[in-house]
Protein backbone atom coordinates (compact mmCIF):
# COMPACT_ATOMS: atom_id res chain seq x y z
CA MET A 1 56.14 -63.25 -23.09
CA ASN A 2 53.13 -62.42 -25.23
CA ASN A 3 50.85 -63.40 -22.36
CA ILE A 4 52.68 -60.98 -20.07
CA HIS A 5 52.15 -58.15 -22.57
CA LYS A 6 48.52 -59.10 -22.94
CA ASN A 7 48.03 -59.16 -19.17
CA ASN A 8 49.73 -55.78 -18.76
CA ALA A 9 47.64 -54.33 -21.57
CA TYR A 10 44.50 -55.73 -19.99
CA LYS A 11 45.44 -54.32 -16.59
CA TYR A 12 46.35 -50.96 -18.15
CA GLY A 13 43.10 -50.88 -20.04
CA SER A 14 41.17 -51.71 -16.90
CA VAL A 15 42.85 -48.89 -14.99
CA VAL A 16 42.04 -46.41 -17.76
CA LEU A 17 38.41 -47.58 -17.82
CA VAL A 18 38.13 -47.18 -14.05
CA LEU A 19 39.64 -43.69 -14.22
CA LEU A 20 37.20 -42.71 -16.96
CA LEU A 21 34.27 -44.00 -14.92
CA VAL A 22 35.49 -42.07 -11.87
CA ALA A 23 35.89 -38.92 -13.94
CA MET A 24 32.37 -39.30 -15.31
CA VAL A 25 30.95 -39.77 -11.81
CA LEU A 26 32.83 -36.77 -10.45
CA SER A 27 31.74 -34.67 -13.44
CA GLY A 28 28.14 -35.67 -12.80
CA CYS A 29 28.50 -34.79 -9.13
CA ASN A 30 29.96 -31.39 -9.98
CA LYS A 31 27.08 -30.66 -12.35
CA SER A 32 24.56 -31.80 -9.75
CA GLN A 33 26.23 -29.61 -7.14
CA ALA A 34 26.19 -26.64 -9.54
CA ILE A 35 22.49 -27.15 -10.20
CA ALA A 36 21.73 -27.71 -6.53
CA THR A 37 23.43 -24.44 -5.58
CA THR A 38 21.43 -22.36 -8.08
CA ALA A 39 18.29 -20.55 -6.91
CA VAL A 40 15.56 -18.86 -8.92
CA ILE A 41 13.61 -15.70 -8.13
CA ASP A 42 10.55 -14.18 -9.80
CA LEU A 43 11.18 -10.43 -9.61
CA ASP A 44 7.80 -9.63 -11.16
CA LYS A 45 6.08 -11.48 -8.32
CA VAL A 46 8.26 -9.67 -5.79
CA ALA A 47 7.36 -6.31 -7.32
CA VAL A 48 3.63 -7.10 -7.17
CA ALA A 49 3.77 -8.42 -3.59
CA THR A 50 5.65 -5.37 -2.33
CA GLY A 51 3.58 -2.87 -4.32
CA ARG A 52 6.62 -1.68 -6.23
CA ASP A 53 5.04 -2.43 -9.60
CA LYS A 54 2.29 0.11 -8.86
CA LEU A 55 4.84 2.76 -7.88
CA ILE A 56 6.85 2.16 -11.05
CA ASN A 57 3.76 2.34 -13.26
CA GLN A 58 2.58 5.43 -11.39
CA ARG A 59 5.88 7.23 -11.99
CA VAL A 60 5.80 6.36 -15.69
CA GLN A 61 2.14 7.41 -15.94
CA GLU A 62 2.83 10.75 -14.27
CA PHE A 63 5.65 11.41 -16.72
CA ALA A 64 3.44 10.38 -19.64
CA GLU A 65 0.64 12.73 -18.55
CA ILE A 66 3.00 15.70 -18.28
CA GLU A 67 4.49 14.98 -21.67
CA GLU A 68 1.05 14.41 -23.18
CA ASP A 69 0.05 17.93 -22.18
CA LYS A 70 3.18 19.24 -23.90
CA LEU A 71 2.40 17.22 -27.01
CA ASN A 72 -1.17 18.54 -27.11
CA LYS A 73 0.12 22.10 -26.85
CA LEU A 74 2.61 21.46 -29.63
CA LYS A 75 -0.10 19.94 -31.80
CA ALA A 76 -2.39 22.92 -31.18
CA GLU A 77 0.41 25.35 -32.11
CA LEU A 78 1.17 23.49 -35.33
CA VAL A 79 -2.50 23.35 -36.32
CA THR A 80 -2.86 27.06 -35.58
CA GLU A 81 0.13 27.90 -37.77
CA ILE A 82 -1.22 25.79 -40.64
CA ASN A 83 -4.70 27.29 -40.37
CA LYS A 84 -3.24 30.79 -40.25
CA THR A 85 -1.20 30.12 -43.38
CA ARG A 86 -4.25 28.59 -45.13
CA GLU A 87 -6.32 31.69 -44.32
CA GLN A 88 -3.59 33.95 -45.68
CA LEU A 89 -3.49 31.99 -48.94
CA GLY A 90 -7.24 32.32 -49.39
CA ASP A 91 -9.78 29.95 -50.91
CA LYS A 92 -7.97 29.67 -54.23
CA PRO A 93 -4.23 29.44 -53.58
CA SER A 94 -1.82 29.13 -56.48
CA GLU A 95 -0.11 25.83 -57.19
CA GLU A 96 3.06 27.11 -55.59
CA ASP A 97 1.17 28.25 -52.47
CA ALA A 98 -0.63 24.90 -52.32
CA ARG A 99 2.73 23.10 -52.44
CA THR A 100 4.04 25.39 -49.72
CA LEU A 101 1.02 24.59 -47.52
CA ALA A 102 1.42 20.86 -48.18
CA ASP A 103 5.13 21.01 -47.28
CA MET A 104 4.30 22.91 -44.13
CA THR A 105 1.73 20.25 -43.17
CA ARG A 106 4.22 17.44 -43.77
CA ARG A 107 6.87 19.19 -41.69
CA SER A 108 4.37 19.70 -38.88
CA ASP A 109 3.35 16.04 -38.95
CA ALA A 110 7.00 14.96 -38.92
CA ARG A 111 7.77 17.27 -36.02
CA LEU A 112 4.84 15.92 -34.01
CA LYS A 113 5.75 12.29 -34.72
CA GLN A 114 9.34 12.98 -33.73
CA ALA A 115 8.19 14.53 -30.46
CA ILE A 116 5.92 11.53 -29.74
CA ALA A 117 8.77 9.11 -30.47
CA ARG A 118 11.05 11.04 -28.11
CA VAL A 119 8.48 10.86 -25.30
CA GLU A 120 7.98 7.14 -25.82
CA ASP A 121 11.74 6.58 -25.76
CA VAL A 122 12.24 8.59 -22.58
CA ALA A 123 9.27 6.85 -20.91
CA GLY A 124 10.74 3.46 -21.81
CA ARG A 125 14.15 4.37 -20.42
CA LEU A 126 12.51 5.78 -17.29
CA LYS A 127 10.76 2.47 -16.64
CA ILE A 128 13.97 0.53 -17.23
CA ASN A 129 15.83 2.74 -14.75
CA LEU A 130 13.09 2.31 -12.14
CA VAL A 131 13.20 -1.47 -12.58
CA VAL A 132 16.99 -1.44 -12.24
CA ASP A 133 16.68 0.63 -9.05
CA PHE A 134 14.21 -1.92 -7.68
CA ARG A 135 16.52 -4.78 -8.58
CA ASN A 136 19.45 -3.09 -6.86
CA GLU A 137 17.37 -2.47 -3.73
CA VAL A 138 16.24 -6.09 -3.36
CA GLU A 139 19.63 -7.55 -4.23
CA PRO A 140 21.00 -7.49 -0.64
CA VAL A 141 17.91 -9.33 0.62
CA VAL A 142 18.12 -11.84 -2.23
CA ARG A 143 21.77 -12.48 -1.40
CA GLN A 144 20.98 -12.89 2.30
CA VAL A 145 18.16 -15.37 1.70
CA ALA A 146 20.16 -17.31 -0.89
CA GLN A 147 23.26 -17.62 1.28
CA ALA A 148 21.17 -18.71 4.26
CA ASP A 149 19.80 -21.58 2.15
CA GLY A 150 23.22 -22.52 0.79
CA PHE A 151 22.73 -21.20 -2.74
CA LYS A 152 25.74 -19.88 -4.64
CA LEU A 153 23.92 -18.41 -7.64
CA VAL A 154 20.55 -16.73 -8.16
CA VAL A 155 18.97 -16.37 -11.61
CA ILE A 156 15.87 -14.41 -12.57
CA LYS A 157 12.89 -16.53 -13.58
CA SER A 158 12.05 -16.33 -17.27
CA PRO A 159 9.98 -18.28 -19.83
CA GLU A 160 13.12 -20.00 -21.12
CA TYR A 161 13.18 -22.23 -18.03
CA LEU A 162 10.88 -25.18 -18.74
CA PHE A 163 10.97 -26.57 -15.20
CA ILE A 164 11.96 -25.15 -11.84
CA ASP A 165 11.90 -27.26 -8.71
CA SER A 166 10.07 -25.49 -5.89
CA SER A 167 13.03 -26.08 -3.58
CA ALA A 168 15.13 -23.80 -5.79
CA ASP A 169 12.58 -20.95 -5.82
CA ILE A 170 13.39 -18.34 -3.16
CA THR A 171 10.77 -15.83 -4.31
CA ASP A 172 8.39 -16.27 -1.37
CA ALA A 173 11.22 -16.18 1.15
CA VAL A 174 12.50 -12.91 -0.30
CA ILE A 175 8.98 -11.45 -0.28
CA ASP A 176 8.49 -12.43 3.38
CA LYS A 177 11.82 -10.84 4.28
CA LEU A 178 11.05 -7.60 2.44
CA LEU A 179 7.58 -7.29 3.98
CA ALA A 180 8.99 -8.00 7.42
CA MET A 181 11.61 -5.28 6.94
CA LYS A 182 8.89 -2.88 5.77
CA THR A 183 6.76 -3.61 8.83
CA GLU A 184 9.77 -3.28 11.11
CA ALA A 185 10.64 0.09 9.60
CA LYS A 186 7.09 1.36 10.25
CA THR A 187 7.06 0.18 13.87
CA SER A 188 10.62 1.18 14.73
CA PRO A 189 11.14 3.80 17.53
CA SER A 190 12.64 6.28 15.07
CA ALA A 191 9.59 6.02 12.82
CA SER A 192 7.14 6.49 15.66
CA ALA A 193 9.18 9.37 17.12
CA GLU A 194 8.84 11.56 14.03
CA PRO A 195 5.20 12.56 14.59
CA ASN A 196 5.96 13.38 18.25
CA GLU A 197 8.83 15.62 17.24
CA LYS A 198 6.64 17.43 14.74
CA GLY A 199 3.89 17.73 17.30
């Protein structure tokens, strides 16, 4: 009787062990499949190859130059006001007048620093928005290339990835597709018809 229980326990234990091994194998397969269906793209490289990085930097630079002119005008106005007040107080201002001039100078400096900080903040947000626009524009092409290669997920390349297999990198394929679309748009009948219509 005890032998029967021992045999049943042994058989039961063997079945459980087999099921655990199968589960581990299937889990490993699922992880391998998840990794195999994940692609990587270097958006910085795409931006450089398509010339978009230059356009983004140009837009930000143009904004910065316009705002720099405004900042220079503001600085000139503040300096003029301080110099005018200093002239009015004369060469030997009273202690109270000296404190007034010092307070005026501090307020002017604070105003200028605040204006500079605002420009830097707006310039930063402008660049972020331009990068987001670029990302949204290339997304359909990224999806098309990824799906054609059987990928289910695309992640953006970053320093946190220590190793990326070249077979998972779709950057060059996306670049080729974008450049081909750009060339096609330039040579399309509608594009070539525009100059004729104007002429």
